[in-house]
């Protein structure tokens, strides 16, 4: 009778894998405990300072619940304010899973914001004049973080696990869990704002809204205004004079009315400009570029001087990547934002998923026999939204790199969507209406 084959090596390999997984889990638990301890200490310190402030108050102050003007001024100067949400977002995204991380990822997403009557006696009065703007800034609270802990370095999903400082990212895990997003204002109905291009889930507390004004908020506009401010007035003669790169002429006057749309910088922006004033703007940009190139090609020996200020400049070597032309000269961003190590995914739909999606009717439809969207205006808009969400890969770095399961579930408006991820693509395999219980929770 032959002896059984020894499988000790296989057992050792399995045990080694299990031990490795256990080590990672223990490390994660330690990190969570450290974060919880830090958060607990900060909360206790804040509570202690608050109690100390109450201890030094006069007994008469306890009768009146509202603080005195002097106390309010002191709290404002210390930066200790009590925030009150002006409203809560009603969005086509019910949960965090599948919600785009940036508003431009899914421009067809829709939401609404109703100003709370507890903030103003007449909420609709606070929105008078806002209809003149096409976009608004929304300051909100990341209310679904789950914990108040935060770290100085984070791992943005687009960096695929590499750590950078939290203030160089838009991570929701921050000392003050505040978010800022730019949304398109589709319309205003009494005390309700109708928005598109949002990246917030339903129930998000909104702290403030402000109009987006390109003349103040766009670095491109700021630069153009600066150039116009220092340009000499053009002579009031009809004679044509040669234009030198060292001379700057007047640009076309900027309209006094607010812009109705955000003008994106593109490679063809210069080619779309018209008028003699706009041509001088292009020549001014060329002049800036030529000056940068001359500074780049100039040798350090030619730039030596006795001045200490100039001497410090000579120690800084310019690289060819620092040369900017056109819209690149309006502002600077991290290179990984436009060229991340994680590329966009190709999005596909199975025939069954396409058919299921066509069963949904628009939000303004009166058909009660078919599933109906609450925000989206039809299947075409839903397809555009799904493509935007999945092409940016909404999975976390952990799920992307370590999880064996490639299935992914998320909710868009009133649809539950099932997809799976392959190498370089995402495929939608099922689109089902949300159950009545889920719809009740969202509403």
Protein backbone atom coordinates (compact mmCIF):
# COMPACT_ATOMS: atom_id res chain seq x y z
CA UNK A 1 0.00 0.00 0.00
CA UNK A 2 1.51 3.33 -1.12
CA UNK A 3 1.95 6.10 1.45
CA UNK A 4 -0.13 9.32 0.94
CA UNK A 5 1.62 12.18 -0.84
CA UNK A 6 2.94 14.85 1.53
CA UNK A 7 1.39 18.28 0.98
CA UNK A 8 3.30 20.15 3.65
CA UNK A 9 4.56 22.74 1.19
CA UNK A 10 1.04 23.59 0.10
CA UNK A 11 -0.10 23.97 3.72
CA UNK A 12 2.87 26.21 4.48
CA UNK A 13 2.07 28.40 1.48
CA UNK A 14 -1.57 28.79 2.53
CA UNK A 15 -0.61 29.54 6.12
CA UNK A 16 1.89 32.14 4.92
CA UNK A 17 -0.79 33.87 2.85
CA UNK A 18 -3.20 33.87 5.78
CA UNK A 19 -0.53 35.31 8.07
CA UNK A 20 0.18 38.07 5.56
CA UNK A 21 -3.51 38.97 5.38
CA UNK A 22 -3.72 38.98 9.18
CA UNK A 23 -0.74 41.32 9.43
CA UNK A 24 -2.37 43.78 7.03
CA UNK A 25 -5.64 43.66 8.96
CA UNK A 26 -3.84 44.22 12.26
CA UNK A 27 -1.99 47.18 10.73
CA UNK A 28 -5.27 48.68 9.53
CA UNK A 29 -6.83 48.20 12.97
CA UNK A 30 -3.88 49.93 14.61
CA UNK A 31 -4.18 52.87 12.25
CA UNK A 32 -7.91 53.13 12.96
CA UNK A 33 -7.28 53.00 16.70
CA UNK A 34 -4.61 55.70 16.45
CA UNK A 35 -7.00 57.89 14.46
CA UNK A 36 -9.81 57.32 16.95
CA UNK A 37 -7.50 58.19 19.86
CA UNK A 38 -6.39 61.42 18.16
CA UNK A 39 -9.98 62.38 17.41
CA UNK A 40 -10.99 61.60 21.00
CA UNK A 41 -8.21 63.79 22.38
CA UNK A 42 -9.19 66.69 20.13
CA UNK A 43 -12.85 66.38 21.07
CA UNK A 44 -11.99 66.26 24.77
CA UNK A 45 -9.74 69.30 24.40
CA UNK A 46 -12.50 71.21 22.61
CA UNK A 47 -15.04 70.18 25.25
CA UNK A 48 -12.69 71.23 28.03
CA UNK A 49 -12.11 74.67 26.48
CA UNK A 50 -15.87 75.10 26.04
CA UNK A 51 -16.55 74.18 29.66
CA UNK A 52 -13.80 76.53 30.80
CA UNK A 53 -15.45 79.37 28.90
CA UNK A 54 -18.81 78.66 30.54
CA UNK A 55 -17.13 78.49 33.94
CA UNK A 56 -15.86 82.07 33.65
CA UNK A 57 -19.22 83.46 32.55
CA UNK A 58 -21.35 85.51 34.91
CA UNK A 59 -24.41 83.77 36.46
CA UNK A 60 -26.70 86.36 34.87
CA UNK A 61 -25.66 85.19 31.44
CA UNK A 62 -27.17 81.79 32.04
CA UNK A 63 -30.65 83.30 32.08
CA UNK A 64 -30.34 84.54 28.52
CA UNK A 65 -29.51 81.77 26.04
CA UNK A 66 -28.20 84.13 23.33
CA UNK A 67 -24.61 85.35 23.83
CA UNK A 68 -23.85 89.02 24.29
CA UNK A 69 -22.53 91.08 21.33
CA UNK A 70 -19.09 91.24 22.94
CA UNK A 71 -19.01 87.46 23.23
CA UNK A 72 -20.13 87.07 19.62
CA UNK A 73 -17.36 89.39 18.46
CA UNK A 74 -14.80 87.45 20.50
CA UNK A 75 -15.97 84.10 19.09
CA UNK A 76 -15.78 85.46 15.55
CA UNK A 77 -12.26 86.77 16.09
CA UNK A 78 -11.22 83.36 17.42
CA UNK A 79 -12.81 81.57 14.46
CA UNK A 80 -15.21 79.63 16.67
CA UNK A 81 -18.58 79.93 14.97
CA UNK A 82 -21.75 77.89 15.04
CA UNK A 83 -22.80 76.94 11.51
CA UNK A 84 -26.42 76.40 10.48
CA UNK A 85 -27.25 74.61 7.20
CA UNK A 86 -29.25 76.80 4.85
CA UNK A 87 -30.67 73.71 3.18
CA UNK A 88 -30.10 70.09 2.22
CA UNK A 89 -29.28 68.70 -1.21
CA UNK A 90 -31.88 66.53 -2.96
CA UNK A 91 -29.69 64.68 -5.45
CA UNK A 92 -29.85 61.88 -8.00
CA UNK A 93 -27.09 60.18 -5.98
CA UNK A 94 -28.51 58.42 -2.93
CA UNK A 95 -25.30 56.91 -1.50
CA UNK A 96 -21.56 57.58 -1.67
CA UNK A 97 -20.88 54.51 -3.82
CA UNK A 98 -20.77 55.66 -7.43
CA UNK A 99 -21.04 59.37 -6.70
CA UNK A 100 -18.52 61.30 -8.86
CA UNK A 101 -15.58 62.80 -6.99
CA UNK A 102 -15.63 66.00 -9.06
CA UNK A 103 -18.56 67.89 -10.62
CA UNK A 104 -17.13 67.85 -14.16
CA UNK A 105 -17.02 64.05 -14.16
CA UNK A 106 -20.80 63.85 -14.61
CA UNK A 107 -22.18 67.09 -16.06
CA UNK A 108 -25.63 65.54 -16.60
CA UNK A 109 -26.19 64.81 -12.90
CA UNK A 110 -29.02 66.80 -11.35
CA UNK A 111 -30.04 68.01 -7.91
CA UNK A 112 -32.12 70.62 -6.14
CA UNK A 113 -31.60 72.77 -3.06
CA UNK A 114 -34.47 74.21 -1.02
CA UNK A 115 -33.60 77.10 1.29
CA UNK A 116 -34.81 76.35 4.82
CA UNK A 117 -37.55 78.65 6.16
CA UNK A 118 -35.81 78.55 9.55
CA UNK A 119 -32.92 80.59 8.07
CA UNK A 120 -35.01 83.36 6.48
CA UNK A 121 -38.63 84.28 7.02
CA UNK A 122 -38.95 84.65 3.24
CA UNK A 123 -36.36 82.26 1.71
CA UNK A 124 -37.24 83.25 -1.84
CA UNK A 125 -36.10 86.82 -1.13
CA UNK A 126 -32.54 85.60 -0.54
CA UNK A 127 -32.39 84.27 -4.12
CA UNK A 128 -33.46 87.46 -5.89
CA UNK A 129 -30.86 88.31 -8.54
CA UNK A 130 -29.17 84.90 -8.48
CA UNK A 131 -30.96 83.93 -11.70
CA UNK A 132 -28.58 86.26 -13.54
CA UNK A 133 -25.70 83.82 -13.01
CA UNK A 134 -25.11 80.53 -14.78
CA UNK A 135 -23.00 78.81 -12.08
CA UNK A 136 -22.74 78.96 -8.30
CA UNK A 137 -20.23 77.91 -5.67
CA UNK A 138 -21.68 75.57 -3.03
CA UNK A 139 -20.03 75.22 0.38
CA UNK A 140 -21.20 72.04 2.06
CA UNK A 141 -20.39 69.56 4.80
CA UNK A 142 -18.99 66.05 4.25
CA UNK A 143 -21.61 64.48 6.53
CA UNK A 144 -20.90 60.86 5.54
CA UNK A 145 -17.23 60.66 6.51
CA UNK A 146 -18.13 58.26 9.31
CA UNK A 147 -15.44 59.61 11.61
CA UNK A 148 -13.78 62.90 12.47
CA UNK A 149 -10.20 61.60 12.23
CA UNK A 150 -7.86 62.93 9.57
CA UNK A 151 -4.23 62.66 8.51
CA UNK A 152 -1.65 65.07 7.13
CA UNK A 153 -1.09 62.82 4.09
CA UNK A 154 -3.76 61.04 2.05
CA UNK A 155 -3.96 58.71 -0.95
CA UNK A 156 -6.00 60.26 -3.79
CA UNK A 157 -7.61 57.54 -5.97
CA UNK A 158 -6.18 59.10 -9.12
CA UNK A 159 -2.65 58.67 -7.73
CA UNK A 160 -3.25 54.93 -7.27
CA UNK A 161 -1.94 54.76 -3.71
CA UNK A 162 0.78 57.44 -3.65
CA UNK A 163 0.62 59.80 -0.64
CA UNK A 164 0.47 63.57 -0.87
CA UNK A 165 -0.44 66.33 1.59
CA UNK A 166 -4.14 66.62 2.37
CA UNK A 167 -4.15 70.32 1.45
CA UNK A 168 -2.89 69.51 -2.05
CA UNK A 169 -5.99 67.35 -2.64
CA UNK A 170 -9.77 67.58 -2.34
CA UNK A 171 -10.04 64.72 0.11
CA UNK A 172 -13.19 64.80 2.30
CA UNK A 173 -11.16 63.77 5.36
CA UNK A 174 -9.95 67.17 6.58
CA UNK A 175 -9.64 68.97 9.95
CA UNK A 176 -12.83 70.85 9.04
CA UNK A 177 -14.93 68.57 6.86
CA UNK A 178 -15.97 71.32 4.44
CA UNK A 179 -16.48 70.80 0.73
CA UNK A 180 -16.57 73.25 -2.18
CA UNK A 181 -18.11 72.51 -5.56
CA UNK A 182 -19.12 74.43 -8.67
CA UNK A 183 -22.60 73.63 -9.98
CA UNK A 184 -24.58 74.88 -12.95
CA UNK A 185 -27.74 76.79 -12.04
CA UNK A 186 -30.51 75.47 -14.27
CA UNK A 187 -33.26 77.59 -12.74
CA UNK A 188 -34.92 78.92 -9.59
CA UNK A 189 -38.47 78.16 -8.48
CA UNK A 190 -39.47 80.30 -5.49
CA UNK A 191 -37.14 79.06 -2.70
CA UNK A 192 -35.66 76.11 -4.62
CA UNK A 193 -32.56 76.02 -6.82
CA UNK A 194 -32.35 73.48 -9.64
CA UNK A 195 -28.76 72.37 -10.30
CA UNK A 196 -26.77 70.16 -12.66
CA UNK A 197 -23.20 68.89 -12.72
CA UNK A 198 -23.16 68.08 -9.00
CA UNK A 199 -21.02 65.67 -6.98
CA UNK A 200 -23.04 65.61 -3.74
CA UNK A 201 -25.29 62.90 -2.36
CA UNK A 202 -28.85 63.33 -1.14
CA UNK A 203 -29.06 64.88 2.31
CA UNK A 204 -25.81 66.85 2.09
CA UNK A 205 -25.99 69.89 4.40
CA UNK A 206 -25.26 73.12 2.51
CA UNK A 207 -23.70 75.94 4.53
CA UNK A 208 -23.54 78.69 1.91
CA UNK A 209 -23.87 79.48 -1.80
CA UNK A 210 -22.13 82.20 -3.80
CA UNK A 211 -22.35 83.20 -7.47
CA UNK A 212 -19.51 82.19 -9.75
CA UNK A 213 -18.08 85.34 -11.37
CA UNK A 214 -15.34 84.67 -13.96
CA UNK A 215 -14.13 88.28 -13.68
CA UNK A 216 -13.11 87.55 -10.06
CA UNK A 217 -12.74 83.78 -9.88
CA UNK A 218 -10.87 82.95 -13.11
CA UNK A 219 -7.07 83.40 -13.17
CA UNK A 220 -7.32 83.96 -16.93
CA UNK A 221 -9.58 86.97 -16.46
CA UNK A 222 -7.36 88.34 -13.71
CA UNK A 223 -4.33 88.16 -15.99
CA UNK A 224 -6.14 89.81 -18.89
CA UNK A 225 -7.32 92.64 -16.63
CA UNK A 226 -3.76 93.18 -15.36
CA UNK A 227 -2.42 93.37 -18.92
CA UNK A 228 -5.11 95.87 -19.89
CA UNK A 229 -4.41 97.99 -16.82
CA UNK A 230 -0.78 98.60 -17.76
CA UNK A 231 -1.23 98.92 -21.51
CA UNK A 232 -0.74 102.46 -22.86
CA UNK A 233 -3.64 104.13 -24.61
CA UNK A 234 -3.61 103.66 -28.36
CA UNK A 235 -3.19 106.82 -30.48
CA UNK A 236 -6.42 108.23 -31.91
CA UNK A 237 -5.20 108.26 -35.53
CA UNK A 238 -6.09 106.16 -38.52
CA UNK A 239 -2.46 105.65 -39.55
CA UNK A 240 -1.16 102.12 -39.27
CA UNK A 241 1.94 101.74 -37.15
CA UNK A 242 4.25 98.70 -37.00
CA UNK A 243 3.61 96.52 -33.99
CA UNK A 244 6.63 95.45 -31.98
CA UNK A 245 6.70 92.63 -29.47
CA UNK A 246 8.04 95.05 -26.88
CA UNK A 247 4.95 97.24 -27.19
CA UNK A 248 1.52 96.38 -25.85
CA UNK A 249 -1.66 97.81 -27.32
CA UNK A 250 -5.10 98.21 -25.82
CA UNK A 251 -7.25 95.08 -25.69
CA UNK A 252 -10.94 94.92 -26.34
CA UNK A 253 -13.05 96.25 -23.50
CA UNK A 254 -14.59 93.69 -21.22
CA UNK A 255 -18.37 93.55 -21.09
CA UNK A 256 -19.92 94.90 -17.92
CA UNK A 257 -22.59 92.20 -17.85
CA UNK A 258 -21.93 88.92 -16.02
CA UNK A 259 -20.81 85.99 -18.11
CA UNK A 260 -23.54 83.47 -18.89
CA UNK A 261 -21.21 80.50 -19.19
CA UNK A 262 -17.83 79.26 -18.08
CA UNK A 263 -15.30 79.60 -20.85
CA UNK A 264 -12.91 76.69 -20.75
CA UNK A 265 -9.33 77.13 -21.85
CA UNK A 266 -8.50 74.97 -24.85
CA UNK A 267 -5.73 74.62 -27.37
CA UNK A 268 -7.85 76.37 -29.96
CA UNK A 269 -8.80 79.31 -27.75
CA UNK A 270 -6.41 81.71 -29.48
CA UNK A 271 -7.71 80.74 -32.90
CA UNK A 272 -11.29 81.62 -31.93
CA UNK A 273 -10.51 85.23 -31.01
CA UNK A 274 -11.59 88.06 -33.27
CA UNK A 275 -10.87 91.76 -33.59
CA UNK A 276 -7.68 93.80 -33.54
CA UNK A 277 -7.74 94.07 -29.74
CA UNK A 278 -7.87 90.29 -29.41
CA UNK A 279 -4.95 89.94 -31.85
CA UNK A 280 -2.87 92.14 -29.58
CA UNK A 281 -3.81 89.86 -26.69
CA UNK A 282 -2.38 86.92 -28.62
CA UNK A 283 0.76 88.88 -29.42
CA UNK A 284 1.12 89.77 -25.75
CA UNK A 285 1.00 86.05 -24.90
CA UNK A 286 3.64 85.36 -27.56
CA UNK A 287 5.79 88.09 -26.04
CA UNK A 288 5.52 86.49 -22.60
CA UNK A 289 6.46 83.13 -24.06
CA UNK A 290 9.48 84.57 -25.91
CA UNK A 291 10.68 86.24 -22.72
CA UNK A 292 10.42 82.95 -20.86
CA UNK A 293 12.33 81.18 -23.60
CA UNK A 294 15.10 83.79 -23.54
CA UNK A 295 15.38 83.39 -19.79
CA UNK A 296 15.54 79.64 -20.20
CA UNK A 297 18.27 79.69 -22.83
CA UNK A 298 20.33 82.32 -21.04
CA UNK A 299 23.38 80.86 -19.33
CA UNK A 300 23.96 81.37 -15.60
CA UNK A 301 27.22 83.20 -16.33
CA UNK A 302 25.36 85.87 -18.32
CA UNK A 303 22.99 86.46 -15.42
CA UNK A 304 25.63 86.95 -12.70
CA UNK A 305 25.38 90.23 -10.82
CA UNK A 306 26.51 91.85 -7.62
CA UNK A 307 22.96 92.29 -6.37
CA UNK A 308 22.00 89.73 -3.71
CA UNK A 309 18.44 89.64 -5.03
CA UNK A 310 19.61 88.79 -8.52
CA UNK A 311 22.15 86.34 -7.16
CA UNK A 312 19.37 84.34 -5.58
CA UNK A 313 17.58 84.23 -8.91
CA UNK A 314 20.59 82.75 -10.68
CA UNK A 315 20.51 79.73 -8.39
CA UNK A 316 17.08 78.74 -9.73
CA UNK A 317 17.41 76.74 -12.96
CA UNK A 318 14.43 76.83 -15.30
CA UNK A 319 13.34 73.68 -17.05
CA UNK A 320 11.56 73.45 -20.37
CA UNK A 321 8.42 72.27 -18.56
CA UNK A 322 8.20 75.67 -16.82
CA UNK A 323 7.61 77.45 -20.13
CA UNK A 324 3.93 78.34 -20.42
CA UNK A 325 1.94 79.70 -23.32
CA UNK A 326 -1.70 80.71 -23.66
CA UNK A 327 -4.10 79.34 -21.07
CA UNK A 328 -1.27 77.48 -19.31
CA UNK A 329 0.09 80.85 -18.17
CA UNK A 330 -3.13 81.70 -16.31
CA UNK A 331 -2.55 79.25 -13.46
CA UNK A 332 -0.54 76.24 -12.35
CA UNK A 333 -1.78 72.87 -11.08
CA UNK A 334 -0.16 69.60 -10.09
CA UNK A 335 0.88 67.49 -13.09
CA UNK A 336 -0.97 64.40 -11.84
CA UNK A 337 -4.34 66.16 -12.11
CA UNK A 338 -4.18 66.23 -15.91
CA UNK A 339 -1.92 63.21 -16.38
CA UNK A 340 -2.72 60.77 -13.54
CA UNK A 341 -1.20 57.29 -13.37
CA UNK A 342 -4.76 55.91 -13.61
CA UNK A 343 -6.17 56.30 -17.11
CA UNK A 344 -9.83 56.73 -18.03
CA UNK A 345 -11.83 53.57 -18.68
CA UNK A 346 -13.84 52.58 -21.70
CA UNK A 347 -17.52 52.14 -20.73
CA UNK A 348 -19.68 49.48 -22.35
CA UNK A 349 -23.30 48.39 -22.04
CA UNK A 350 -24.65 44.93 -22.59
CA UNK A 351 -27.69 44.61 -24.83
CA UNK A 352 -29.78 43.62 -21.83
CA UNK A 353 -28.65 46.68 -19.84
CA UNK A 354 -29.44 49.01 -22.74
CA UNK A 355 -32.92 47.56 -23.03
CA UNK A 356 -33.54 47.85 -19.28
CA UNK A 357 -32.38 51.46 -19.31
CA UNK A 358 -34.78 52.34 -22.14
CA UNK A 359 -37.68 51.25 -19.94
CA UNK A 360 -37.18 54.31 -17.73
CA UNK A 361 -39.23 57.39 -18.59
CA UNK A 362 -38.18 61.04 -18.01
CA UNK A 363 -38.90 62.89 -14.79
CA UNK A 364 -41.71 64.92 -16.39
CA UNK A 365 -43.51 61.91 -17.86
CA UNK A 366 -47.07 61.00 -16.82
CA UNK A 367 -46.64 57.30 -17.59
CA UNK A 368 -47.21 55.35 -14.36
CA UNK A 369 -46.73 51.89 -15.85
CA UNK A 370 -42.96 52.17 -16.34
CA UNK A 371 -40.10 53.12 -13.99
CA UNK A 372 -39.60 56.87 -13.82
CA UNK A 373 -36.58 59.06 -13.14
CA UNK A 374 -36.87 61.74 -10.46
CA UNK A 375 -34.15 64.05 -11.86
CA UNK A 376 -32.87 62.81 -15.22
CA UNK A 377 -34.65 63.72 -18.44
CA UNK A 378 -34.41 60.38 -20.17
CA UNK A 379 -32.32 57.32 -20.98
CA UNK A 380 -29.85 59.31 -23.08
CA UNK A 381 -29.00 61.57 -20.15
CA UNK A 382 -28.68 58.52 -17.89
CA UNK A 383 -26.25 56.88 -20.33
CA UNK A 384 -24.15 60.05 -20.37
CA UNK A 385 -24.12 60.15 -16.58
CA UNK A 386 -23.15 56.47 -16.27
CA UNK A 387 -20.33 56.91 -18.77
CA UNK A 388 -18.98 59.89 -16.87
CA UNK A 389 -19.08 58.06 -13.52
CA UNK A 390 -17.52 54.79 -14.67
CA UNK A 391 -14.90 56.29 -17.00
CA UNK A 392 -13.33 58.01 -13.98
CA UNK A 393 -13.25 54.66 -12.08
CA UNK A 394 -15.22 55.35 -8.86
CA UNK A 395 -13.59 52.44 -7.01
CA UNK A 396 -11.21 53.05 -4.12
CA UNK A 397 -7.53 52.17 -4.44
CA UNK A 398 -8.05 49.18 -2.15
CA UNK A 399 -10.88 47.76 -4.25
CA UNK A 400 -9.00 48.48 -7.45
CA UNK A 401 -5.74 46.79 -6.48
CA UNK A 402 -6.53 44.14 -3.85
CA UNK A 403 -10.11 42.94 -4.19
CA UNK A 404 -10.76 39.84 -6.26
CA UNK A 405 -14.41 40.74 -6.80
CA UNK A 406 -14.75 42.98 -9.84
CA UNK A 407 -18.49 43.56 -9.51
CA UNK A 408 -19.55 47.08 -8.61
CA UNK A 409 -22.96 48.40 -7.56
CA UNK A 410 -24.16 51.98 -7.41
CA UNK A 411 -27.36 54.02 -7.59
CA UNK A 412 -28.19 56.75 -10.09
CA UNK A 413 -31.46 58.57 -9.56
CA UNK A 414 -34.07 55.75 -9.28
CA UNK A 415 -31.93 53.07 -10.93
CA UNK A 416 -29.81 50.39 -9.29
CA UNK A 417 -26.87 49.69 -11.60
CA UNK A 418 -24.65 46.61 -11.66
CA UNK A 419 -21.38 46.59 -13.58
CA UNK A 420 -18.02 44.87 -13.59
CA UNK A 421 -14.50 46.11 -14.29
CA UNK A 422 -12.02 44.54 -16.67
CA UNK A 423 -8.61 45.61 -17.89
CA UNK A 424 -9.15 49.14 -19.11
CA UNK A 425 -12.94 49.01 -19.32
CA UNK A 426 -16.16 48.90 -17.30
CA UNK A 427 -19.27 47.11 -18.50
CA UNK A 428 -22.82 47.74 -17.31
CA UNK A 429 -24.66 44.43 -17.10
CA UNK A 430 -27.94 45.29 -15.32
CA UNK A 431 -30.14 48.33 -14.66
CA UNK A 432 -33.08 47.79 -12.31
CA UNK A 433 -35.54 50.21 -10.69
CA UNK A 434 -35.01 50.91 -7.02
CA UNK A 435 -37.34 49.14 -4.59
CA UNK A 436 -40.09 51.12 -2.90
CA UNK A 437 -38.30 50.93 0.47
CA UNK A 438 -35.16 52.44 -1.03
CA UNK A 439 -37.13 55.20 -2.74
CA UNK A 440 -38.80 56.06 0.56
CA UNK A 441 -35.42 56.36 2.29
CA UNK A 442 -34.05 58.60 -0.46
CA UNK A 443 -37.06 60.92 -0.42
